[in-house]
Amino acid sequence: MNITVTHELAKRLMEAGGEALSGQYLADEFGISRTAVWKHIKELEEKGYTIESIKKRGYILKEIPDTLEPIAIQPLLKTAKIGQVMEYIDSCPSTQILAHKFAQEGAPDGTVVLTETQTAGRGRLARKWDSAPQKGIWMSVILRPDVVPQKAPQFTLVAAVAVVRAIEEVTGLKPEIKWPNDILLNGRKCTGILTELQSDADGIQALIIGIGMNANQELEDFSPEVRDIATSLKMMDGKTVDRQELVRSLLFYLEQYTNLYIEQGFKMLKIMWESYSSTIGRPVRARMAKETLEGIAEGITDEGVLQLRTNDGKLHGIYSADIEMKN
């Protein structure tokens, strides 16, 4: 079965917004027989799509399955590059591992790797990440920006702004960013971002941005050790989140803000980032490899470095640390 036609058929049905599309119209558009159209409809139904066939009117899409398969996301995706190529795996150890492999094999700029569940999901410092099946968004994005390696860390901050904008747009919730890579709701973590680099002497070959977002988990979906610090979008407002819509929104903003950063630098995005920050202006404890500092987080630099003023009045640039909020 030609997957391209099936994708395009799904797109037409989605764009129709509940209006019937005749089998003859679809056959003419795709240059195939009505019997072939019917076979593609049956393929969609086997994937979980509910499609009503009305005599003399045609086909109406009634329901889309809750899946992160590209066929459910790409038809209504509003990006020029990011997500136009998608790799979907029902279950995998980690989308980051797969994305690194695909990037080394030449995957194009903007390739997105999606899965329904990870068996070895990880966050910063190789920490385990719970990835409940069909409850969250587990994905990695391969970018190939023409920037120097020193600009790579800011992409974590760019992605964080994209995540909060998407959550706001789709759910109405008001997330905050905890420097550098956590998205919080009411002080609890709902999303983590992990940015990794493939580079050589000539510069950046690929950036791999991993995003793990808790969408529709209940409390019991989290392991006991993280139940006090983790949450999901559904737990915050009681509503099941449309994961497909959330992915489309996230990829749209990620593309917009990535382009803005590459073209104009971090200045505008820095203002946006700080407006969502749960860290700026707060007393924090920064645990680093060789020391721990306490003070007030005053802001971030144009390079994304956290500015921490300790009680002795000194201003410290924090490049990498675990940040703990102090009361």
C-alpha atoms as a PDB file:
ATOM      1  CA  MET A   1       0.000   0.000   0.000  1.00  0.00           C
ATOM      2  CA  ASN A   2       1.386   3.426  -0.950  1.00  0.00           C
ATOM      3  CA  ILE A   3       1.881   5.170   2.390  1.00  0.00           C
ATOM      4  CA  THR A   4       2.090   8.586   0.688  1.00  0.00           C
ATOM      5  CA  VAL A   5      -1.452   8.288  -0.622  1.00  0.00           C
ATOM      6  CA  THR A   6      -2.652   7.057   2.762  1.00  0.00           C
ATOM      7  CA  HIS A   7      -1.017  10.086   4.414  1.00  0.00           C
ATOM      8  CA  GLU A   8      -2.582  12.445   1.893  1.00  0.00           C
ATOM      9  CA  LEU A   9      -5.971  10.796   2.304  1.00  0.00           C
ATOM     10  CA  ALA A  10      -5.745  11.227   6.082  1.00  0.00           C
ATOM     11  CA  LYS A  11      -4.808  14.873   5.523  1.00  0.00           C
ATOM     12  CA  ARG A  12      -7.809  15.501   3.262  1.00  0.00           C
ATOM     13  CA  LEU A  13     -10.178  13.906   5.763  1.00  0.00           C
ATOM     14  CA  MET A  14      -8.724  15.952   8.638  1.00  0.00           C
ATOM     15  CA  GLU A  15      -8.874  19.202   6.678  1.00  0.00           C
ATOM     16  CA  ALA A  16     -12.488  18.500   5.716  1.00  0.00           C
ATOM     17  CA  GLY A  17     -13.455  19.157   9.344  1.00  0.00           C
ATOM     18  CA  GLY A  18     -16.301  16.651   9.464  1.00  0.00           C
ATOM     19  CA  GLU A  19     -17.587  17.300   5.958  1.00  0.00           C
ATOM     20  CA  ALA A  20     -18.060  14.315   3.647  1.00  0.00           C
ATOM     21  CA  LEU A  21     -15.586  13.726   0.815  1.00  0.00           C
ATOM     22  CA  SER A  22     -16.866  11.591  -2.027  1.00  0.00           C
ATOM     23  CA  GLY A  23     -14.976   8.523  -3.119  1.00  0.00           C
ATOM     24  CA  GLN A  24     -14.983   9.783  -6.705  1.00  0.00           C
ATOM     25  CA  TYR A  25     -13.553  13.152  -5.688  1.00  0.00           C
ATOM     26  CA  LEU A  26     -10.739  11.429  -3.792  1.00  0.00           C
ATOM     27  CA  ALA A  27     -10.135   9.000  -6.661  1.00  0.00           C
ATOM     28  CA  ASP A  28      -9.852  11.849  -9.138  1.00  0.00           C
ATOM     29  CA  GLU A  29      -7.551  13.877  -6.874  1.00  0.00           C
ATOM     30  CA  PHE A  30      -5.115  11.036  -6.302  1.00  0.00           C
ATOM     31  CA  GLY A  31      -5.418   9.514  -9.775  1.00  0.00           C
ATOM     32  CA  ILE A  32      -6.501   6.122  -8.476  1.00  0.00           C
ATOM     33  CA  SER A  33      -9.642   4.003  -8.632  1.00  0.00           C
ATOM     34  CA  ARG A  34     -12.482   4.221  -6.125  1.00  0.00           C
ATOM     35  CA  THR A  35     -11.613   0.678  -5.084  1.00  0.00           C
ATOM     36  CA  ALA A  36      -8.081   1.864  -4.263  1.00  0.00           C
ATOM     37  CA  VAL A  37      -9.541   4.730  -2.228  1.00  0.00           C
ATOM     38  CA  TRP A  38     -11.623   2.203  -0.306  1.00  0.00           C
ATOM     39  CA  LYS A  39      -8.492   0.131   0.398  1.00  0.00           C
ATOM     40  CA  HIS A  40      -6.700   3.185   1.791  1.00  0.00           C
ATOM     41  CA  ILE A  41      -9.747   3.958   3.939  1.00  0.00           C
ATOM     42  CA  LYS A  42      -9.600   0.402   5.282  1.00  0.00           C
ATOM     43  CA  GLU A  43      -5.904   0.834   6.068  1.00  0.00           C
ATOM     44  CA  LEU A  44      -6.697   3.935   8.109  1.00  0.00           C
ATOM     45  CA  GLU A  45      -9.468   2.068   9.927  1.00  0.00           C
ATOM     46  CA  GLU A  46      -7.016  -0.711  10.767  1.00  0.00           C
ATOM     47  CA  LYS A  47      -4.829   1.947  12.377  1.00  0.00           C
ATOM     48  CA  GLY A  48      -7.732   2.983  14.606  1.00  0.00           C
ATOM     49  CA  TYR A  49      -9.311   5.795  12.601  1.00  0.00           C
ATOM     50  CA  THR A  50     -13.113   5.915  12.761  1.00  0.00           C
ATOM     51  CA  ILE A  51     -14.427   6.771   9.287  1.00  0.00           C
ATOM     52  CA  GLU A  52     -18.113   6.840   8.400  1.00  0.00           C
ATOM     53  CA  SER A  53     -19.183   5.972   4.869  1.00  0.00           C
ATOM     54  CA  ILE A  54     -22.445   7.640   3.817  1.00  0.00           C
ATOM     55  CA  LYS A  55     -24.128   6.531   0.614  1.00  0.00           C
ATOM     56  CA  LYS A  56     -24.049   9.183  -2.147  1.00  0.00           C
ATOM     57  CA  ARG A  57     -22.074  11.561   0.109  1.00  0.00           C
ATOM     58  CA  GLY A  58     -18.752   9.908   0.842  1.00  0.00           C
ATOM     59  CA  TYR A  59     -16.391   9.500   3.761  1.00  0.00           C
ATOM     60  CA  ILE A  60     -16.390  11.453   7.035  1.00  0.00           C
ATOM     61  CA  LEU A  61     -13.557  11.251   9.567  1.00  0.00           C
ATOM     62  CA  LYS A  62     -15.148  10.821  13.000  1.00  0.00           C
ATOM     63  CA  GLU A  63     -12.230  10.035  15.287  1.00  0.00           C
ATOM     64  CA  ILE A  64      -8.430   9.847  15.208  1.00  0.00           C
ATOM     65  CA  PRO A  65      -6.620   7.307  17.407  1.00  0.00           C
ATOM     66  CA  ASP A  66      -4.460   8.588  20.265  1.00  0.00           C
ATOM     67  CA  THR A  67      -1.121   7.866  18.619  1.00  0.00           C
ATOM     68  CA  LEU A  68       2.075   9.714  17.823  1.00  0.00           C
ATOM     69  CA  GLU A  69       2.443   8.073  14.434  1.00  0.00           C
ATOM     70  CA  PRO A  70       3.437  10.580  11.744  1.00  0.00           C
ATOM     71  CA  ILE A  71       0.251   9.919   9.755  1.00  0.00           C
ATOM     72  CA  ALA A  72      -1.744  11.443  12.647  1.00  0.00           C
ATOM     73  CA  ILE A  73       0.542  14.461  13.164  1.00  0.00           C
ATOM     74  CA  GLN A  74       2.030  15.542   9.841  1.00  0.00           C
ATOM     75  CA  PRO A  75      -1.161  16.344   7.866  1.00  0.00           C
ATOM     76  CA  LEU A  76      -1.911  19.416  10.009  1.00  0.00           C
ATOM     77  CA  LEU A  77       1.701  20.316  10.855  1.00  0.00           C
ATOM     78  CA  LYS A  78       2.473  24.002  10.193  1.00  0.00           C
ATOM     79  CA  THR A  79       6.237  23.895   9.801  1.00  0.00           C
ATOM     80  CA  ALA A  80       8.514  24.256   6.806  1.00  0.00           C
ATOM     81  CA  LYS A  81      11.204  21.898   8.048  1.00  0.00           C
ATOM     82  CA  ILE A  82      10.951  20.530  11.580  1.00  0.00           C
ATOM     83  CA  GLY A  83       8.841  17.370  11.591  1.00  0.00           C
ATOM     84  CA  GLN A  84       8.507  17.081   7.834  1.00  0.00           C
ATOM     85  CA  VAL A  85      10.607  13.942   8.256  1.00  0.00           C
ATOM     86  CA  MET A  86       9.519  11.765  11.180  1.00  0.00           C
ATOM     87  CA  GLU A  87      10.812   8.453  12.478  1.00  0.00           C
ATOM     88  CA  TYR A  88       8.275   6.619  14.649  1.00  0.00           C
ATOM     89  CA  ILE A  89       9.035   3.597  16.802  1.00  0.00           C
ATOM     90  CA  ASP A  90       6.340   2.106  19.014  1.00  0.00           C
ATOM     91  CA  SER A  91       8.843   1.288  21.778  1.00  0.00           C
ATOM     92  CA  CYS A  92      12.556   1.979  22.079  1.00  0.00           C
ATOM     93  CA  PRO A  93      15.242   2.383  24.749  1.00  0.00           C
ATOM     94  CA  SER A  94      15.539   6.144  24.110  1.00  0.00           C
ATOM     95  CA  THR A  95      14.705   8.538  21.286  1.00  0.00           C
ATOM     96  CA  GLN A  96      18.022  10.291  22.000  1.00  0.00           C
ATOM     97  CA  ILE A  97      19.957   7.107  21.212  1.00  0.00           C
ATOM     98  CA  LEU A  98      18.023   6.619  17.979  1.00  0.00           C
ATOM     99  CA  ALA A  99      18.342  10.280  16.989  1.00  0.00           C
ATOM    100  CA  HIS A 100      22.124  10.136  17.398  1.00  0.00           C
ATOM    101  CA  LYS A 101      22.189   7.081  15.135  1.00  0.00           C
ATOM    102  CA  PHE A 102      19.927   8.689  12.514  1.00  0.00           C
ATOM    103  CA  ALA A 103      21.980  11.905  12.603  1.00  0.00           C
ATOM    104  CA  GLN A 104      25.204   9.999  12.002  1.00  0.00           C
ATOM    105  CA  GLU A 105      23.507   8.260   9.075  1.00  0.00           C
ATOM    106  CA  GLY A 106      22.659  11.607   7.481  1.00  0.00           C
ATOM    107  CA  ALA A 107      19.087  12.311   8.658  1.00  0.00           C
ATOM    108  CA  PRO A 108      18.061  15.756   7.350  1.00  0.00           C
ATOM    109  CA  ASP A 109      17.773  18.925   9.406  1.00  0.00           C
ATOM    110  CA  GLY A 110      14.471  18.937  11.293  1.00  0.00           C
ATOM    111  CA  THR A 111      14.039  15.150  11.559  1.00  0.00           C
ATOM    112  CA  VAL A 112      11.876  14.191  14.550  1.00  0.00           C
ATOM    113  CA  VAL A 113      12.062  10.848  16.353  1.00  0.00           C
ATOM    114  CA  LEU A 114       8.922   9.839  18.277  1.00  0.00           C
ATOM    115  CA  THR A 115       7.979   6.865  20.418  1.00  0.00           C
ATOM    116  CA  GLU A 116       5.068   5.748  22.584  1.00  0.00           C
ATOM    117  CA  THR A 117       7.296   4.454  25.363  1.00  0.00           C
ATOM    118  CA  GLN A 118      10.969   4.425  26.312  1.00  0.00           C
ATOM    119  CA  THR A 119      12.542   1.567  28.240  1.00  0.00           C
ATOM    120  CA  ALA A 120      15.690   3.518  29.106  1.00  0.00           C
ATOM    121  CA  GLY A 121      14.684   7.179  28.963  1.00  0.00           C
ATOM    122  CA  ARG A 122      17.216   9.533  30.481  1.00  0.00           C
ATOM    123  CA  GLY A 123      17.601  13.139  31.491  1.00  0.00           C
ATOM    124  CA  ARG A 124      20.558  15.287  32.476  1.00  0.00           C
ATOM    125  CA  LEU A 125      23.438  13.568  34.272  1.00  0.00           C
ATOM    126  CA  ALA A 126      22.162  10.182  32.957  1.00  0.00           C
ATOM    127  CA  ARG A 127      19.193  10.231  35.340  1.00  0.00           C
ATOM    128  CA  LYS A 128      16.350   7.824  34.644  1.00  0.00           C
ATOM    129  CA  TRP A 129      13.205   9.299  33.091  1.00  0.00           C
ATOM    130  CA  ASP A 130       9.814   7.587  33.520  1.00  0.00           C
ATOM    131  CA  SER A 131       8.148   7.193  30.106  1.00  0.00           C
ATOM    132  CA  ALA A 132       4.659   5.772  30.624  1.00  0.00           C
ATOM    133  CA  PRO A 133       3.248   4.118  27.452  1.00  0.00           C
ATOM    134  CA  GLN A 134       0.900   6.363  25.414  1.00  0.00           C
ATOM    135  CA  LYS A 135       0.725   8.918  28.234  1.00  0.00           C
ATOM    136  CA  GLY A 136       3.409  11.421  27.307  1.00  0.00           C
ATOM    137  CA  ILE A 137       5.411  12.877  24.456  1.00  0.00           C
ATOM    138  CA  TRP A 138       8.819  11.295  24.089  1.00  0.00           C
ATOM    139  CA  MET A 139      10.757  12.730  21.191  1.00  0.00           C
ATOM    140  CA  SER A 140      14.086  13.978  19.899  1.00  0.00           C
ATOM    141  CA  VAL A 141      14.667  16.602  17.216  1.00  0.00           C
ATOM    142  CA  ILE A 142      17.723  16.623  14.955  1.00  0.00           C
ATOM    143  CA  LEU A 143      18.868  20.131  14.029  1.00  0.00           C
ATOM    144  CA  ARG A 144      21.788  21.077  11.826  1.00  0.00           C
ATOM    145  CA  PRO A 145      22.212  24.817  12.471  1.00  0.00           C
ATOM    146  CA  ASP A 146      25.044  26.781  10.908  1.00  0.00           C
ATOM    147  CA  VAL A 147      26.337  28.151  14.212  1.00  0.00           C
ATOM    148  CA  VAL A 148      29.550  27.807  16.204  1.00  0.00           C
ATOM    149  CA  PRO A 149      29.625  25.125  18.957  1.00  0.00           C
ATOM    150  CA  GLN A 150      29.659  27.813  21.664  1.00  0.00           C
ATOM    151  CA  LYS A 151      26.088  28.686  20.707  1.00  0.00           C
ATOM    152  CA  ALA A 152      24.811  25.148  21.222  1.00  0.00           C
ATOM    153  CA  PRO A 153      23.825  25.466  24.933  1.00  0.00           C
ATOM    154  CA  GLN A 154      21.326  28.243  24.162  1.00  0.00           C
ATOM    155  CA  PHE A 155      19.245  25.800  22.120  1.00  0.00           C
ATOM    156  CA  THR A 156      18.110  24.240  25.407  1.00  0.00           C
ATOM    157  CA  LEU A 157      16.715  27.639  26.415  1.00  0.00           C
ATOM    158  CA  VAL A 158      15.163  28.143  22.975  1.00  0.00           C
ATOM    159  CA  ALA A 159      13.461  24.750  23.258  1.00  0.00           C
ATOM    160  CA  ALA A 160      12.220  25.609  26.756  1.00  0.00           C
ATOM    161  CA  VAL A 161      10.436  28.720  25.461  1.00  0.00           C
ATOM    162  CA  ALA A 162       8.887  26.636  22.668  1.00  0.00           C
ATOM    163  CA  VAL A 163       7.630  24.079  25.188  1.00  0.00           C
ATOM    164  CA  VAL A 164       5.973  26.624  27.493  1.00  0.00           C
ATOM    165  CA  ARG A 165       4.350  28.429  24.566  1.00  0.00           C
ATOM    166  CA  ALA A 166       2.938  25.133  23.256  1.00  0.00           C
ATOM    167  CA  ILE A 167       1.613  24.096  26.680  1.00  0.00           C
ATOM    168  CA  GLU A 168      -0.030  27.497  27.113  1.00  0.00           C
ATOM    169  CA  GLU A 169      -1.596  27.391  23.668  1.00  0.00           C
ATOM    170  CA  VAL A 170      -2.990  23.868  23.883  1.00  0.00           C
ATOM    171  CA  THR A 171      -3.993  23.642  27.562  1.00  0.00           C
ATOM    172  CA  GLY A 172      -4.226  27.198  28.937  1.00  0.00           C
ATOM    173  CA  LEU A 173      -1.946  26.195  31.808  1.00  0.00           C
ATOM    174  CA  LYS A 174       0.816  28.581  32.947  1.00  0.00           C
ATOM    175  CA  PRO A 175       4.115  26.688  33.051  1.00  0.00           C
ATOM    176  CA  GLU A 176       7.406  28.067  34.332  1.00  0.00           C
ATOM    177  CA  ILE A 177      11.000  27.392  33.326  1.00  0.00           C
ATOM    178  CA  LYS A 178      13.514  26.286  35.938  1.00  0.00           C
ATOM    179  CA  TRP A 179      17.023  26.956  34.673  1.00  0.00           C
ATOM    180  CA  PRO A 180      18.287  25.400  32.561  1.00  0.00           C
ATOM    181  CA  ASN A 181      16.042  22.632  31.274  1.00  0.00           C
ATOM    182  CA  ASP A 182      12.999  21.869  33.441  1.00  0.00           C
ATOM    183  CA  ILE A 183       9.424  22.967  32.827  1.00  0.00           C
ATOM    184  CA  LEU A 184       7.339  23.222  36.000  1.00  0.00           C
ATOM    185  CA  LEU A 185       3.647  23.426  36.850  1.00  0.00           C
ATOM    186  CA  ASN A 186       2.907  24.530  40.400  1.00  0.00           C
ATOM    187  CA  GLY A 187       6.511  23.769  41.271  1.00  0.00           C
ATOM    188  CA  ARG A 188       6.434  20.201  39.933  1.00  0.00           C
ATOM    189  CA  LYS A 189       8.286  18.971  36.873  1.00  0.00           C
ATOM    190  CA  CYS A 190       6.231  18.139  33.787  1.00  0.00           C
ATOM    191  CA  THR A 191       8.876  18.376  31.059  1.00  0.00           C
ATOM    192  CA  GLY A 192      12.609  17.873  30.735  1.00  0.00           C
ATOM    193  CA  ILE A 193      14.881  18.948  27.892  1.00  0.00           C
ATOM    194  CA  LEU A 194      18.226  17.364  27.031  1.00  0.00           C
ATOM    195  CA  THR A 195      20.442  18.912  24.347  1.00  0.00           C
ATOM    196  CA  GLU A 196      23.401  16.935  23.034  1.00  0.00           C
ATOM    197  CA  LEU A 197      25.960  17.734  20.371  1.00  0.00           C
ATOM    198  CA  GLN A 198      27.621  15.960  17.481  1.00  0.00           C
ATOM    199  CA  SER A 199      30.594  18.024  16.326  1.00  0.00           C
ATOM    200  CA  ASP A 200      34.039  17.815  14.783  1.00  0.00           C
ATOM    201  CA  ALA A 201      36.862  20.203  13.934  1.00  0.00           C
ATOM    202  CA  ASP A 202      34.664  21.901  11.343  1.00  0.00           C
ATOM    203  CA  GLY A 203      31.907  22.711  13.874  1.00  0.00           C
ATOM    204  CA  ILE A 204      28.452  21.401  14.735  1.00  0.00           C
ATOM    205  CA  GLN A 205      27.318  18.409  12.700  1.00  0.00           C
ATOM    206  CA  ALA A 206      24.044  17.958  14.564  1.00  0.00           C
ATOM    207  CA  LEU A 207      22.196  19.067  17.669  1.00  0.00           C
ATOM    208  CA  ILE A 208      19.948  16.462  19.266  1.00  0.00           C
ATOM    209  CA  ILE A 209      17.223  18.046  21.406  1.00  0.00           C
ATOM    210  CA  GLY A 210      15.396  15.477  23.522  1.00  0.00           C
ATOM    211  CA  ILE A 211      12.040  16.476  25.002  1.00  0.00           C
ATOM    212  CA  GLY A 212      10.121  14.367  27.493  1.00  0.00           C
ATOM    213  CA  MET A 213       6.706  15.755  28.370  1.00  0.00           C
ATOM    214  CA  ASN A 214       4.255  14.303  30.877  1.00  0.00           C
ATOM    215  CA  ALA A 215       0.864  14.770  29.221  1.00  0.00           C
ATOM    216  CA  ASN A 216      -1.823  12.370  30.434  1.00  0.00           C
ATOM    217  CA  GLN A 217      -0.277  10.487  33.349  1.00  0.00           C
ATOM    218  CA  GLU A 218      -2.079   9.862  36.599  1.00  0.00           C
ATOM    219  CA  LEU A 219      -0.146   9.876  39.875  1.00  0.00           C
ATOM    220  CA  GLU A 220       0.190   6.075  39.876  1.00  0.00           C
ATOM    221  CA  ASP A 221       1.968   6.206  36.501  1.00  0.00           C
ATOM    222  CA  PHE A 222       5.021   7.706  38.210  1.00  0.00           C
ATOM    223  CA  SER A 223       7.530   5.682  40.211  1.00  0.00           C
ATOM    224  CA  PRO A 224       7.279   6.264  43.990  1.00  0.00           C
ATOM    225  CA  GLU A 225      10.584   8.137  44.146  1.00  0.00           C
ATOM    226  CA  VAL A 226       9.383  10.942  41.850  1.00  0.00           C
ATOM    227  CA  ARG A 227       5.704  11.234  42.799  1.00  0.00           C
ATOM    228  CA  ASP A 228       6.410  14.192  45.069  1.00  0.00           C
ATOM    229  CA  ILE A 229       8.225  16.170  42.384  1.00  0.00           C
ATOM    230  CA  ALA A 230       6.612  15.134  39.083  1.00  0.00           C
ATOM    231  CA  THR A 231       3.272  16.016  37.524  1.00  0.00           C
ATOM    232  CA  SER A 232       1.456  15.876  34.191  1.00  0.00           C
ATOM    233  CA  LEU A 233      -0.650  18.338  32.250  1.00  0.00           C
ATOM    234  CA  LYS A 234      -3.741  16.227  32.901  1.00  0.00           C
ATOM    235  CA  MET A 235      -3.061  16.140  36.654  1.00  0.00           C
ATOM    236  CA  MET A 236      -3.000  19.931  36.690  1.00  0.00           C
ATOM    237  CA  ASP A 237      -6.364  20.611  35.051  1.00  0.00           C
ATOM    238  CA  GLY A 238      -8.115  17.230  34.930  1.00  0.00           C
ATOM    239  CA  LYS A 239      -8.432  17.220  31.139  1.00  0.00           C
ATOM    240  CA  THR A 240      -6.983  14.701  28.721  1.00  0.00           C
ATOM    241  CA  VAL A 241      -4.496  16.441  26.445  1.00  0.00           C
ATOM    242  CA  ASP A 242      -4.561  16.016  22.674  1.00  0.00           C
ATOM    243  CA  ARG A 243      -0.988  14.819  22.263  1.00  0.00           C
ATOM    244  CA  GLN A 244      -1.027  15.261  18.487  1.00  0.00           C
ATOM    245  CA  GLU A 245      -2.040  18.903  18.784  1.00  0.00           C
ATOM    246  CA  LEU A 246       0.609  19.441  21.445  1.00  0.00           C
ATOM    247  CA  VAL A 247       3.358  17.956  19.260  1.00  0.00           C
ATOM    248  CA  ARG A 248       2.297  20.107  16.304  1.00  0.00           C
ATOM    249  CA  SER A 249       2.277  23.257  18.440  1.00  0.00           C
ATOM    250  CA  LEU A 250       5.637  22.428  20.005  1.00  0.00           C
ATOM    251  CA  LEU A 251       7.315  21.795  16.653  1.00  0.00           C
ATOM    252  CA  PHE A 252       5.827  25.002  15.238  1.00  0.00           C
ATOM    253  CA  TYR A 253       7.235  27.147  18.048  1.00  0.00           C
ATOM    254  CA  LEU A 254      10.541  25.279  18.049  1.00  0.00           C
ATOM    255  CA  GLU A 255      10.974  26.113  14.373  1.00  0.00           C
ATOM    256  CA  GLN A 256       9.928  29.755  14.848  1.00  0.00           C
ATOM    257  CA  TYR A 257      12.257  30.349  17.787  1.00  0.00           C
ATOM    258  CA  THR A 258      15.170  28.395  16.319  1.00  0.00           C
ATOM    259  CA  ASN A 259      15.002  30.558  13.207  1.00  0.00           C
ATOM    260  CA  LEU A 260      14.741  33.705  15.350  1.00  0.00           C
ATOM    261  CA  TYR A 261      17.798  32.713  17.365  1.00  0.00           C
ATOM    262  CA  ILE A 262      19.884  31.883  14.299  1.00  0.00           C
ATOM    263  CA  GLU A 263      18.888  35.093  12.489  1.00  0.00           C
ATOM    264  CA  GLN A 264      18.835  37.632  15.339  1.00  0.00           C
ATOM    265  CA  GLY A 265      20.635  36.098  18.289  1.00  0.00           C
ATOM    266  CA  PHE A 266      19.321  35.387  21.778  1.00  0.00           C
ATOM    267  CA  LYS A 267      18.199  38.895  22.818  1.00  0.00           C
ATOM    268  CA  MET A 268      14.462  38.600  22.104  1.00  0.00           C
ATOM    269  CA  LEU A 269      14.297  35.006  23.282  1.00  0.00           C
ATOM    270  CA  LYS A 270      16.136  35.928  26.468  1.00  0.00           C
ATOM    271  CA  ILE A 271      13.331  38.377  27.328  1.00  0.00           C
ATOM    272  CA  MET A 272      10.743  35.667  26.700  1.00  0.00           C
ATOM    273  CA  TRP A 273      12.723  33.076  28.663  1.00  0.00           C
ATOM    274  CA  GLU A 274      13.077  35.341  31.688  1.00  0.00           C
ATOM    275  CA  SER A 275       9.349  36.162  31.612  1.00  0.00           C
ATOM    276  CA  TYR A 276       8.605  32.455  32.165  1.00  0.00           C
ATOM    277  CA  SER A 277      11.404  31.810  34.626  1.00  0.00           C
ATOM    278  CA  SER A 278      10.757  30.383  38.083  1.00  0.00           C
ATOM    279  CA  THR A 279      14.403  30.984  38.951  1.00  0.00           C
ATOM    280  CA  ILE A 280      15.062  34.692  38.333  1.00  0.00           C
ATOM    281  CA  GLY A 281      14.868  36.864  41.445  1.00  0.00           C
ATOM    282  CA  ARG A 282      14.670  33.841  43.735  1.00  0.00           C
ATOM    283  CA  PRO A 283      17.088  32.539  46.374  1.00  0.00           C
ATOM    284  CA  VAL A 284      18.627  29.332  45.027  1.00  0.00           C
ATOM    285  CA  ARG A 285      21.276  26.746  45.810  1.00  0.00           C
ATOM    286  CA  ALA A 286      23.459  25.760  42.829  1.00  0.00           C
ATOM    287  CA  ARG A 287      25.134  22.375  43.233  1.00  0.00           C
ATOM    288  CA  MET A 288      28.088  21.996  40.886  1.00  0.00           C
ATOM    289  CA  ALA A 289      30.709  19.294  40.490  1.00  0.00           C
ATOM    290  CA  LYS A 290      33.266  20.966  42.743  1.00  0.00           C
ATOM    291  CA  GLU A 291      31.296  23.446  44.849  1.00  0.00           C
ATOM    292  CA  THR A 292      27.867  24.586  45.968  1.00  0.00           C
ATOM    293  CA  LEU A 293      26.851  28.238  45.890  1.00  0.00           C
ATOM    294  CA  GLU A 294      23.845  29.985  47.428  1.00  0.00           C
ATOM    295  CA  GLY A 295      22.442  33.341  46.506  1.00  0.00           C
ATOM    296  CA  ILE A 296      19.945  35.221  44.367  1.00  0.00           C
ATOM    297  CA  ALA A 297      19.510  34.268  40.713  1.00  0.00           C
ATOM    298  CA  GLU A 298      19.629  37.657  38.985  1.00  0.00           C
ATOM    299  CA  GLY A 299      19.146  36.622  35.366  1.00  0.00           C
ATOM    300  CA  ILE A 300      20.871  34.955  32.457  1.00  0.00           C
ATOM    301  CA  THR A 301      23.447  36.294  30.025  1.00  0.00           C
ATOM    302  CA  ASP A 302      23.057  36.362  26.258  1.00  0.00           C
ATOM    303  CA  GLU A 303      24.903  33.041  26.304  1.00  0.00           C
ATOM    304  CA  GLY A 304      22.349  31.512  28.684  1.00  0.00           C
ATOM    305  CA  VAL A 305      24.685  31.517  31.685  1.00  0.00           C
ATOM    306  CA  LEU A 306      22.864  31.880  35.006  1.00  0.00           C
ATOM    307  CA  GLN A 307      23.952  34.928  37.020  1.00  0.00           C
ATOM    308  CA  LEU A 308      24.052  34.113  40.735  1.00  0.00           C
ATOM    309  CA  ARG A 309      24.899  36.781  43.320  1.00  0.00           C
ATOM    310  CA  THR A 310      26.097  35.299  46.597  1.00  0.00           C
ATOM    311  CA  ASN A 311      25.690  36.922  49.999  1.00  0.00           C
ATOM    312  CA  ASP A 312      29.178  38.453  49.792  1.00  0.00           C
ATOM    313  CA  GLY A 313      28.045  40.506  46.797  1.00  0.00           C
ATOM    314  CA  LYS A 314      30.013  38.574  44.173  1.00  0.00           C
ATOM    315  CA  LEU A 315      28.345  37.713  40.861  1.00  0.00           C
ATOM    316  CA  HIS A 316      29.001  34.174  39.631  1.00  0.00           C
ATOM    317  CA  GLY A 317      28.360  32.733  36.178  1.00  0.00           C
ATOM    318  CA  ILE A 318      26.804  29.283  36.475  1.00  0.00           C
ATOM    319  CA  TYR A 319      27.277  27.184  33.343  1.00  0.00           C
ATOM    320  CA  SER A 320      26.003  23.845  34.616  1.00  0.00           C
ATOM    321  CA  ALA A 321      24.464  22.957  37.968  1.00  0.00           C
ATOM    322  CA  ASP A 322      21.550  21.393  39.772  1.00  0.00           C
ATOM    323  CA  ILE A 323      19.393  24.264  40.958  1.00  0.00           C
ATOM    324  CA  GLU A 324      17.409  23.964  44.168  1.00  0.00           C
ATOM    325  CA  MET A 325      14.917  26.651  45.164  1.00  0.00           C
ATOM    326  CA  LYS A 326      15.275  27.996  48.685  1.00  0.00           C
ATOM    327  CA  ASN A 327      12.441  29.348  50.768  1.00  0.00           C
END
